[in-house]
PDB file of N, CA and C in Angstrom:
ATOM      1  N   UNK A   1     -10.090 -29.601  14.511  1.00  0.00           N
ATOM      2  CA  UNK A   1     -11.263 -28.769  14.699  1.00  0.00           C
ATOM      3  C   UNK A   1     -10.861 -27.542  15.501  1.00  0.00           C
ATOM      4  N   UNK A   2     -11.358 -26.387  15.046  1.00  0.00           N
ATOM      5  CA  UNK A   2     -11.054 -25.145  15.741  1.00  0.00           C
ATOM      6  C   UNK A   2     -12.338 -24.559  16.306  1.00  0.00           C
ATOM      7  N   UNK A   3     -12.249 -24.005  17.502  1.00  0.00           N
ATOM      8  CA  UNK A   3     -13.401 -23.381  18.141  1.00  0.00           C
ATOM      9  C   UNK A   3     -13.397 -21.890  17.867  1.00  0.00           C
ATOM     10  N   UNK A   4     -14.597 -21.323  17.687  1.00  0.00           N
ATOM     11  CA  UNK A   4     -14.741 -19.882  17.519  1.00  0.00           C
ATOM     12  C   UNK A   4     -15.786 -19.398  18.505  1.00  0.00           C
ATOM     13  N   UNK A   5     -15.776 -18.120  18.814  1.00  0.00           N
ATOM     14  CA  UNK A   5     -16.705 -17.532  19.766  1.00  0.00           C
ATOM     15  C   UNK A   5     -17.725 -16.684  19.016  1.00  0.00           C
ATOM     16  N   UNK A   6     -18.980 -16.783  19.409  1.00  0.00           N
ATOM     17  CA  UNK A   6     -20.015 -15.921  18.853  1.00  0.00           C
ATOM     18  C   UNK A   6     -19.939 -14.596  19.610  1.00  0.00           C
ATOM     19  N   UNK A   7     -19.727 -13.506  18.876  1.00  0.00           N
ATOM     20  CA  UNK A   7     -19.571 -12.179  19.488  1.00  0.00           C
ATOM     21  C   UNK A   7     -20.939 -11.563  19.750  1.00  0.00           C
ATOM     22  N   UNK A   8     -20.950 -10.337  20.312  1.00  0.00           N
ATOM     23  CA  UNK A   8     -22.195  -9.694  20.730  1.00  0.00           C
ATOM     24  C   UNK A   8     -23.158  -9.442  19.578  1.00  0.00           C
ATOM     25  N   UNK A   9     -22.674  -9.228  18.371  1.00  0.00           N
ATOM     26  CA  UNK A   9     -23.557  -9.017  17.215  1.00  0.00           C
ATOM     27  C   UNK A   9     -23.700 -10.297  16.397  1.00  0.00           C
ATOM     28  N   UNK A  10     -23.499 -11.430  17.059  1.00  0.00           N
ATOM     29  CA  UNK A  10     -23.579 -12.754  16.439  1.00  0.00           C
ATOM     30  C   UNK A  10     -22.572 -12.934  15.307  1.00  0.00           C
ATOM     31  N   UNK A  11     -21.431 -12.270  15.438  1.00  0.00           N
ATOM     32  CA  UNK A  11     -20.365 -12.416  14.456  1.00  0.00           C
ATOM     33  C   UNK A  11     -19.395 -13.478  14.930  1.00  0.00           C
ATOM     34  N   UNK A  12     -18.809 -14.192  13.959  1.00  0.00           N
ATOM     35  CA  UNK A  12     -17.758 -15.150  14.261  1.00  0.00           C
ATOM     36  C   UNK A  12     -16.595 -14.881  13.314  1.00  0.00           C
ATOM     37  N   UNK A  13     -15.409 -15.213  13.756  1.00  0.00           N
ATOM     38  CA  UNK A  13     -14.214 -15.066  12.927  1.00  0.00           C
ATOM     39  C   UNK A  13     -13.843 -16.454  12.412  1.00  0.00           C
ATOM     40  N   UNK A  14     -13.717 -16.559  11.095  1.00  0.00           N
ATOM     41  CA  UNK A  14     -13.299 -17.832  10.499  1.00  0.00           C
ATOM     42  C   UNK A  14     -11.788 -17.922  10.675  1.00  0.00           C
ATOM     43  N   UNK A  15     -11.293 -18.973  11.294  1.00  0.00           N
ATOM     44  CA  UNK A  15      -9.857 -19.090  11.549  1.00  0.00           C
ATOM     45  C   UNK A  15      -9.035 -18.980  10.253  1.00  0.00           C
ATOM     46  N   UNK A  16      -7.862 -18.384  10.375  1.00  0.00           N
ATOM     47  CA  UNK A  16      -6.990 -18.138   9.227  1.00  0.00           C
ATOM     48  C   UNK A  16      -6.669 -19.421   8.468  1.00  0.00           C
ATOM     49  N   UNK A  17      -6.416 -20.497   9.180  1.00  0.00           N
ATOM     50  CA  UNK A  17      -6.062 -21.750   8.512  1.00  0.00           C
ATOM     51  C   UNK A  17      -7.193 -22.229   7.597  1.00  0.00           C
ATOM     52  N   UNK A  18      -8.428 -22.038   8.031  1.00  0.00           N
ATOM     53  CA  UNK A  18      -9.579 -22.440   7.213  1.00  0.00           C
ATOM     54  C   UNK A  18      -9.763 -21.472   6.047  1.00  0.00           C
ATOM     55  N   UNK A  19      -9.629 -20.162   6.311  1.00  0.00           N
ATOM     56  CA  UNK A  19      -9.748 -19.169   5.232  1.00  0.00           C
ATOM     57  C   UNK A  19      -8.752 -19.450   4.119  1.00  0.00           C
ATOM     58  N   UNK A  20      -7.521 -19.784   4.494  1.00  0.00           N
ATOM     59  CA  UNK A  20      -6.487 -20.070   3.492  1.00  0.00           C
ATOM     60  C   UNK A  20      -6.820 -21.323   2.691  1.00  0.00           C
ATOM     61  N   UNK A  21      -7.271 -22.370   3.371  1.00  0.00           N
ATOM     62  CA  UNK A  21      -7.601 -23.630   2.679  1.00  0.00           C
ATOM     63  C   UNK A  21      -8.751 -23.450   1.702  1.00  0.00           C
ATOM     64  N   UNK A  22      -9.711 -22.609   2.059  1.00  0.00           N
ATOM     65  CA  UNK A  22     -10.871 -22.380   1.203  1.00  0.00           C
ATOM     66  C   UNK A  22     -10.595 -21.292   0.169  1.00  0.00           C
ATOM     67  N   UNK A  23      -9.643 -20.417   0.459  1.00  0.00           N
ATOM     68  CA  UNK A  23      -9.338 -19.312  -0.451  1.00  0.00           C
ATOM     69  C   UNK A  23     -10.275 -18.125  -0.303  1.00  0.00           C
ATOM     70  N   UNK A  24     -10.739 -17.879   0.919  1.00  0.00           N
ATOM     71  CA  UNK A  24     -11.651 -16.757   1.169  1.00  0.00           C
ATOM     72  C   UNK A  24     -10.893 -15.450   1.225  1.00  0.00           C
ATOM     73  N   UNK A  25     -11.518 -14.410   0.699  1.00  0.00           N
ATOM     74  CA  UNK A  25     -10.954 -13.072   0.776  1.00  0.00           C
ATOM     75  C   UNK A  25     -12.001 -12.099   1.259  1.00  0.00           C
ATOM     76  N   UNK A  26     -11.569 -10.902   1.596  1.00  0.00           N
ATOM     77  CA  UNK A  26     -12.480  -9.856   2.040  1.00  0.00           C
ATOM     78  C   UNK A  26     -13.476  -9.575   0.911  1.00  0.00           C
ATOM     79  N   UNK A  27     -14.738  -9.541   1.239  1.00  0.00           N
ATOM     80  CA  UNK A  27     -15.774  -9.256   0.258  1.00  0.00           C
ATOM     81  C   UNK A  27     -16.368 -10.489  -0.398  1.00  0.00           C
ATOM     82  N   UNK A  28     -15.773 -11.667  -0.182  1.00  0.00           N
ATOM     83  CA  UNK A  28     -16.336 -12.890  -0.749  1.00  0.00           C
ATOM     84  C   UNK A  28     -17.684 -13.189  -0.087  1.00  0.00           C
ATOM     85  N   UNK A  29     -18.537 -13.857  -0.820  1.00  0.00           N
ATOM     86  CA  UNK A  29     -19.857 -14.203  -0.306  1.00  0.00           C
ATOM     87  C   UNK A  29     -19.882 -15.641   0.182  1.00  0.00           C
ATOM     88  N   UNK A  30     -20.615 -15.866   1.280  1.00  0.00           N
ATOM     89  CA  UNK A  30     -20.834 -17.202   1.811  1.00  0.00           C
ATOM     90  C   UNK A  30     -22.332 -17.447   1.879  1.00  0.00           C
ATOM     91  N   UNK A  31     -22.747 -18.626   1.486  1.00  0.00           N
ATOM     92  CA  UNK A  31     -24.146 -19.024   1.629  1.00  0.00           C
ATOM     93  C   UNK A  31     -24.286 -19.746   2.967  1.00  0.00           C
ATOM     94  N   UNK A  32     -25.199 -19.283   3.816  1.00  0.00           N
ATOM     95  CA  UNK A  32     -25.414 -19.895   5.129  1.00  0.00           C
ATOM     96  C   UNK A  32     -26.611 -20.821   5.060  1.00  0.00           C
ATOM     97  N   UNK A  33     -26.460 -22.015   5.645  1.00  0.00           N
ATOM     98  CA  UNK A  33     -27.581 -22.951   5.688  1.00  0.00           C
ATOM     99  C   UNK A  33     -27.553 -23.704   7.017  1.00  0.00           C
ATOM    100  N   UNK A  34     -28.696 -24.279   7.362  1.00  0.00           N
ATOM    101  CA  UNK A  34     -28.837 -25.041   8.608  1.00  0.00           C
ATOM    102  C   UNK A  34     -29.507 -26.363   8.279  1.00  0.00           C
ATOM    103  N   UNK A  35     -28.855 -27.459   8.692  1.00  0.00           N
ATOM    104  CA  UNK A  35     -29.422 -28.783   8.450  1.00  0.00           C
ATOM    105  C   UNK A  35     -28.895 -29.756   9.491  1.00  0.00           C
ATOM    106  N   UNK A  36     -29.785 -30.542  10.038  1.00  0.00           N
ATOM    107  CA  UNK A  36     -29.418 -31.558  11.033  1.00  0.00           C
ATOM    108  C   UNK A  36     -28.600 -30.986  12.191  1.00  0.00           C
ATOM    109  N   UNK A  37     -28.991 -29.811  12.670  1.00  0.00           N
ATOM    110  CA  UNK A  37     -28.319 -29.219  13.816  1.00  0.00           C
ATOM    111  C   UNK A  37     -26.975 -28.582  13.506  1.00  0.00           C
ATOM    112  N   UNK A  38     -26.603 -28.457  12.231  1.00  0.00           N
ATOM    113  CA  UNK A  38     -25.306 -27.874  11.849  1.00  0.00           C
ATOM    114  C   UNK A  38     -25.509 -26.636  10.989  1.00  0.00           C
ATOM    115  N   UNK A  39     -24.683 -25.633  11.251  1.00  0.00           N
ATOM    116  CA  UNK A  39     -24.645 -24.429  10.419  1.00  0.00           C
ATOM    117  C   UNK A  39     -23.507 -24.629   9.434  1.00  0.00           C
ATOM    118  N   UNK A  40     -23.797 -24.407   8.155  1.00  0.00           N
ATOM    119  CA  UNK A  40     -22.787 -24.589   7.118  1.00  0.00           C
ATOM    120  C   UNK A  40     -22.657 -23.300   6.305  1.00  0.00           C
ATOM    121  N   UNK A  41     -21.436 -22.884   6.057  1.00  0.00           N
ATOM    122  CA  UNK A  41     -21.159 -21.749   5.186  1.00  0.00           C
ATOM    123  C   UNK A  41     -20.486 -22.279   3.934  1.00  0.00           C
ATOM    124  N   UNK A  42     -21.050 -21.970   2.774  1.00  0.00           N
ATOM    125  CA  UNK A  42     -20.502 -22.427   1.505  1.00  0.00           C
ATOM    126  C   UNK A  42     -20.082 -21.218   0.678  1.00  0.00           C
ATOM    127  N   UNK A  43     -18.800 -21.141   0.283  1.00  0.00           N
ATOM    128  CA  UNK A  43     -18.370 -20.013  -0.550  1.00  0.00           C
ATOM    129  C   UNK A  43     -19.123 -20.000  -1.876  1.00  0.00           C
ATOM    130  N   UNK A  44     -19.488 -18.805  -2.310  1.00  0.00           N
ATOM    131  CA  UNK A  44     -20.150 -18.636  -3.597  1.00  0.00           C
ATOM    132  C   UNK A  44     -19.111 -18.153  -4.615  1.00  0.00           C
ATOM    133  N   UNK A  45     -19.428 -18.300  -5.873  1.00  0.00           N
ATOM    134  CA  UNK A  45     -18.501 -17.937  -6.944  1.00  0.00           C
ATOM    135  C   UNK A  45     -18.145 -16.458  -6.891  1.00  0.00           C
ATOM    136  N   UNK A  46     -16.963 -16.124  -7.395  1.00  0.00           N
ATOM    137  CA  UNK A  46     -16.514 -14.730  -7.432  1.00  0.00           C
ATOM    138  C   UNK A  46     -17.498 -13.887  -8.233  1.00  0.00           C
ATOM    139  N   UNK A  47     -18.120 -14.457  -9.255  1.00  0.00           N
ATOM    140  CA  UNK A  47     -19.102 -13.715 -10.040  1.00  0.00           C
ATOM    141  C   UNK A  47     -20.235 -13.207  -9.165  1.00  0.00           C
ATOM    142  N   UNK A  48     -20.613 -13.980  -8.159  1.00  0.00           N
ATOM    143  CA  UNK A  48     -21.658 -13.543  -7.244  1.00  0.00           C
ATOM    144  C   UNK A  48     -21.238 -12.279  -6.511  1.00  0.00           C
ATOM    145  N   UNK A  49     -19.966 -12.189  -6.129  1.00  0.00           N
ATOM    146  CA  UNK A  49     -19.475 -11.008  -5.424  1.00  0.00           C
ATOM    147  C   UNK A  49     -19.542  -9.796  -6.340  1.00  0.00           C
ATOM    148  N   UNK A  50     -19.118  -9.970  -7.607  1.00  0.00           N
ATOM    149  CA  UNK A  50     -19.154  -8.854  -8.548  1.00  0.00           C
ATOM    150  C   UNK A  50     -20.590  -8.424  -8.835  1.00  0.00           C
ATOM    151  N   UNK A  51     -21.487  -9.379  -8.902  1.00  0.00           N
ATOM    152  CA  UNK A  51     -22.897  -9.052  -9.100  1.00  0.00           C
ATOM    153  C   UNK A  51     -23.424  -8.255  -7.902  1.00  0.00           C
ATOM    154  N   UNK A  52     -23.060  -8.687  -6.707  1.00  0.00           N
ATOM    155  CA  UNK A  52     -23.492  -7.975  -5.497  1.00  0.00           C
ATOM    156  C   UNK A  52     -22.931  -6.553  -5.481  1.00  0.00           C
ATOM    157  N   UNK A  53     -21.675  -6.382  -5.888  1.00  0.00           N
ATOM    158  CA  UNK A  53     -21.081  -5.047  -5.941  1.00  0.00           C
ATOM    159  C   UNK A  53     -21.794  -4.185  -6.976  1.00  0.00           C
ATOM    160  N   UNK A  54     -22.127  -4.778  -8.118  1.00  0.00           N
ATOM    161  CA  UNK A  54     -22.843  -4.040  -9.152  1.00  0.00           C
ATOM    162  C   UNK A  54     -24.229  -3.614  -8.692  1.00  0.00           C
ATOM    163  N   UNK A  55     -24.905  -4.508  -7.984  1.00  0.00           N
ATOM    164  CA  UNK A  55     -26.229  -4.175  -7.463  1.00  0.00           C
ATOM    165  C   UNK A  55     -26.147  -3.066  -6.416  1.00  0.00           C
ATOM    166  N   UNK A  56     -25.079  -3.086  -5.619  1.00  0.00           N
ATOM    167  CA  UNK A  56     -24.882  -2.013  -4.631  1.00  0.00           C
ATOM    168  C   UNK A  56     -24.647  -0.682  -5.343  1.00  0.00           C
ATOM    169  N   UNK A  57     -23.823  -0.694  -6.395  1.00  0.00           N
ATOM    170  CA  UNK A  57     -23.603   0.521  -7.180  1.00  0.00           C
ATOM    171  C   UNK A  57     -24.924   1.051  -7.735  1.00  0.00           C
ATOM    172  N   UNK A  58     -25.730   0.165  -8.278  1.00  0.00           N
ATOM    173  CA  UNK A  58     -27.020   0.554  -8.843  1.00  0.00           C
ATOM    174  C   UNK A  58     -27.915   1.166  -7.771  1.00  0.00           C
ATOM    175  N   UNK A  59     -27.969   0.540  -6.592  1.00  0.00           N
ATOM    176  CA  UNK A  59     -28.806   1.038  -5.497  1.00  0.00           C
ATOM    177  C   UNK A  59     -28.353   2.409  -5.030  1.00  0.00           C
ATOM    178  N   UNK A  60     -27.043   2.683  -5.122  1.00  0.00           N
ATOM    179  CA  UNK A  60     -26.509   3.979  -4.684  1.00  0.00           C
ATOM    180  C   UNK A  60     -26.489   5.016  -5.801  1.00  0.00           C
ATOM    181  N   UNK A  61     -27.009   4.631  -6.974  1.00  0.00           N
ATOM    182  CA  UNK A  61     -27.092   5.583  -8.076  1.00  0.00           C
ATOM    183  C   UNK A  61     -25.806   5.756  -8.856  1.00  0.00           C
ATOM    184  N   UNK A  62     -24.850   4.861  -8.658  1.00  0.00           N
ATOM    185  CA  UNK A  62     -23.573   4.955  -9.392  1.00  0.00           C
ATOM    186  C   UNK A  62     -23.726   4.217 -10.725  1.00  0.00           C
ATOM    187  N   UNK A  63     -24.357   4.885 -11.676  1.00  0.00           N
ATOM    188  CA  UNK A  63     -24.592   4.283 -12.985  1.00  0.00           C
ATOM    189  C   UNK A  63     -24.169   5.250 -14.076  1.00  0.00           C
ATOM    190  N   UNK A  64     -24.123   4.765 -15.286  1.00  0.00           N
ATOM    191  CA  UNK A  64     -23.828   5.579 -16.462  1.00  0.00           C
ATOM    192  C   UNK A  64     -24.945   5.360 -17.459  1.00  0.00           C
ATOM    193  N   UNK A  65     -25.125   6.331 -18.348  1.00  0.00           N
ATOM    194  CA  UNK A  65     -26.150   6.167 -19.368  1.00  0.00           C
ATOM    195  C   UNK A  65     -27.462   6.744 -18.897  1.00  0.00           C
ATOM    196  N   UNK A  66     -28.550   6.446 -19.568  1.00  0.00           N
ATOM    197  CA  UNK A  66     -28.663   5.512 -20.691  1.00  0.00           C
ATOM    198  C   UNK A  66     -28.043   6.095 -21.955  1.00  0.00           C
ATOM    199  N   UNK A  67     -27.675   5.236 -22.848  1.00  0.00           N
ATOM    200  CA  UNK A  67     -27.065   5.624 -24.108  1.00  0.00           C
ATOM    201  C   UNK A  67     -28.013   5.312 -25.252  1.00  0.00           C
ATOM    202  N   UNK A  68     -27.934   6.125 -26.290  1.00  0.00           N
ATOM    203  CA  UNK A  68     -28.787   5.927 -27.469  1.00  0.00           C
ATOM    204  C   UNK A  68     -28.311   4.767 -28.332  1.00  0.00           C
ATOM    205  N   UNK A  69     -27.004   4.451 -28.258  1.00  0.00           N
ATOM    206  CA  UNK A  69     -26.464   3.380 -29.098  1.00  0.00           C
ATOM    207  C   UNK A  69     -25.253   2.765 -28.423  1.00  0.00           C
ATOM    208  N   UNK A  70     -24.828   1.630 -28.963  1.00  0.00           N
ATOM    209  CA  UNK A  70     -23.622   0.982 -28.450  1.00  0.00           C
ATOM    210  C   UNK A  70     -22.406   1.861 -28.703  1.00  0.00           C
ATOM    211  N   UNK A  71     -22.378   2.534 -29.838  1.00  0.00           N
ATOM    212  CA  UNK A  71     -21.253   3.423 -30.168  1.00  0.00           C
ATOM    213  C   UNK A  71     -21.148   4.545 -29.142  1.00  0.00           C
ATOM    214  N   UNK A  72     -22.282   5.108 -28.756  1.00  0.00           N
ATOM    215  CA  UNK A  72     -22.279   6.168 -27.739  1.00  0.00           C
ATOM    216  C   UNK A  72     -21.766   5.642 -26.401  1.00  0.00           C
ATOM    217  N   UNK A  73     -22.163   4.434 -26.012  1.00  0.00           N
ATOM    218  CA  UNK A  73     -21.702   3.838 -24.761  1.00  0.00           C
ATOM    219  C   UNK A  73     -20.198   3.586 -24.804  1.00  0.00           C
ATOM    220  N   UNK A  74     -19.699   3.072 -25.926  1.00  0.00           N
ATOM    221  CA  UNK A  74     -18.269   2.808 -26.064  1.00  0.00           C
ATOM    222  C   UNK A  74     -17.474   4.098 -25.978  1.00  0.00           C
ATOM    223  N   UNK A  75     -17.961   5.139 -26.626  1.00  0.00           N
ATOM    224  CA  UNK A  75     -17.277   6.439 -26.578  1.00  0.00           C
ATOM    225  C   UNK A  75     -17.198   6.966 -25.150  1.00  0.00           C
ATOM    226  N   UNK A  76     -18.288   6.827 -24.408  1.00  0.00           N
ATOM    227  CA  UNK A  76     -18.288   7.293 -23.013  1.00  0.00           C
ATOM    228  C   UNK A  76     -17.283   6.507 -22.180  1.00  0.00           C
ATOM    229  N   UNK A  77     -17.231   5.200 -22.384  1.00  0.00           N
ATOM    230  CA  UNK A  77     -16.268   4.378 -21.644  1.00  0.00           C
ATOM    231  C   UNK A  77     -14.833   4.745 -21.998  1.00  0.00           C
ATOM    232  N   UNK A  78     -14.578   4.981 -23.272  1.00  0.00           N
ATOM    233  CA  UNK A  78     -13.218   5.346 -23.692  1.00  0.00           C
ATOM    234  C   UNK A  78     -12.808   6.687 -23.104  1.00  0.00           C
ATOM    235  N   UNK A  79     -13.735   7.647 -23.073  1.00  0.00           N
ATOM    236  CA  UNK A  79     -13.413   8.953 -22.476  1.00  0.00           C
ATOM    237  C   UNK A  79     -13.066   8.796 -21.005  1.00  0.00           C
ATOM    238  N   UNK A  80     -13.870   7.998 -20.304  1.00  0.00           N
ATOM    239  CA  UNK A  80     -13.614   7.807 -18.872  1.00  0.00           C
ATOM    240  C   UNK A  80     -12.277   7.133 -18.625  1.00  0.00           C
ATOM    241  N   UNK A  81     -11.889   6.251 -19.478  1.00  0.00           N
ATOM    242  CA  UNK A  81     -10.634   5.526 -19.302  1.00  0.00           C
ATOM    243  C   UNK A  81      -9.444   6.327 -19.812  1.00  0.00           C
ATOM    244  N   UNK A  82      -9.698   7.433 -20.482  1.00  0.00           N
ATOM    245  CA  UNK A  82      -8.606   8.245 -20.991  1.00  0.00           C
ATOM    246  C   UNK A  82      -7.907   7.624 -22.186  1.00  0.00           C
ATOM    247  N   UNK A  83      -8.585   6.728 -22.893  1.00  0.00           N
ATOM    248  CA  UNK A  83      -7.971   6.026 -24.003  1.00  0.00           C
ATOM    249  C   UNK A  83      -8.554   6.428 -25.349  1.00  0.00           C
ATOM    250  N   UNK A  84      -9.430   7.384 -25.384  1.00  0.00           N
ATOM    251  CA  UNK A  84     -10.153   7.707 -26.616  1.00  0.00           C
ATOM    252  C   UNK A  84      -9.214   8.009 -27.774  1.00  0.00           C
ATOM    253  N   UNK A  85      -8.276   8.895 -27.595  1.00  0.00           N
ATOM    254  CA  UNK A  85      -7.381   9.268 -28.696  1.00  0.00           C
ATOM    255  C   UNK A  85      -6.528   8.097 -29.151  1.00  0.00           C
ATOM    256  N   UNK A  86      -6.011   7.341 -28.229  1.00  0.00           N
ATOM    257  CA  UNK A  86      -5.156   6.207 -28.580  1.00  0.00           C
ATOM    258  C   UNK A  86      -5.937   5.164 -29.373  1.00  0.00           C
ATOM    259  N   UNK A  87      -7.143   4.867 -28.959  1.00  0.00           N
ATOM    260  CA  UNK A  87      -7.960   3.862 -29.641  1.00  0.00           C
ATOM    261  C   UNK A  87      -8.415   4.331 -31.013  1.00  0.00           C
ATOM    262  N   UNK A  88      -8.697   5.640 -31.155  1.00  0.00           N
ATOM    263  CA  UNK A  88      -9.122   6.148 -32.473  1.00  0.00           C
ATOM    264  C   UNK A  88      -7.989   5.998 -33.491  1.00  0.00           C
ATOM    265  N   UNK A  89      -6.771   6.247 -33.057  1.00  0.00           N
ATOM    266  CA  UNK A  89      -5.612   6.084 -33.970  1.00  0.00           C
ATOM    267  C   UNK A  89      -5.456   4.643 -34.389  1.00  0.00           C
ATOM    268  N   UNK A  90      -5.694   3.707 -33.494  1.00  0.00           N
ATOM    269  CA  UNK A  90      -5.550   2.279 -33.806  1.00  0.00           C
ATOM    270  C   UNK A  90      -6.607   1.816 -34.804  1.00  0.00           C
ATOM    271  N   UNK A  91      -7.809   2.396 -34.766  1.00  0.00           N
ATOM    272  CA  UNK A  91      -8.890   1.966 -35.620  1.00  0.00           C
ATOM    273  C   UNK A  91      -8.718   2.404 -37.065  1.00  0.00           C
ATOM    274  N   UNK A  92      -7.979   3.492 -37.291  1.00  0.00           N
ATOM    275  CA  UNK A  92      -7.831   4.037 -38.649  1.00  0.00           C
ATOM    276  C   UNK A  92      -6.871   3.234 -39.495  1.00  0.00           C
TER     277      UNK A  92
END
C-alpha cells in the first residue's frame, strides 16, 4: 500500500508503480466513485478519452463541414491530408 497526499487543490498523484500496473497515460479518463467509506478510481476505455477530446474540439469550434455529400466530405479530408492527387491516381 502506498500513501499519497491531498494537495491544496484536492489533487493527488497516483504512484508510478500503480500507473504502470494499470496502464494509465496522460489524458486517460478515470471514473471516481465513493462507496463504504472508500474512494475508487476506475480507468475508462480509450474510446472515452477520444470522445472527450472530440467533444472539446466541438465546444471550441474546431469542426469541418457541413458537407452536402459523403463525396464532398471525403474530398475535403483528402485535401487536408495532402493525399488527393495520389488517391485519385489509385482509383483510376
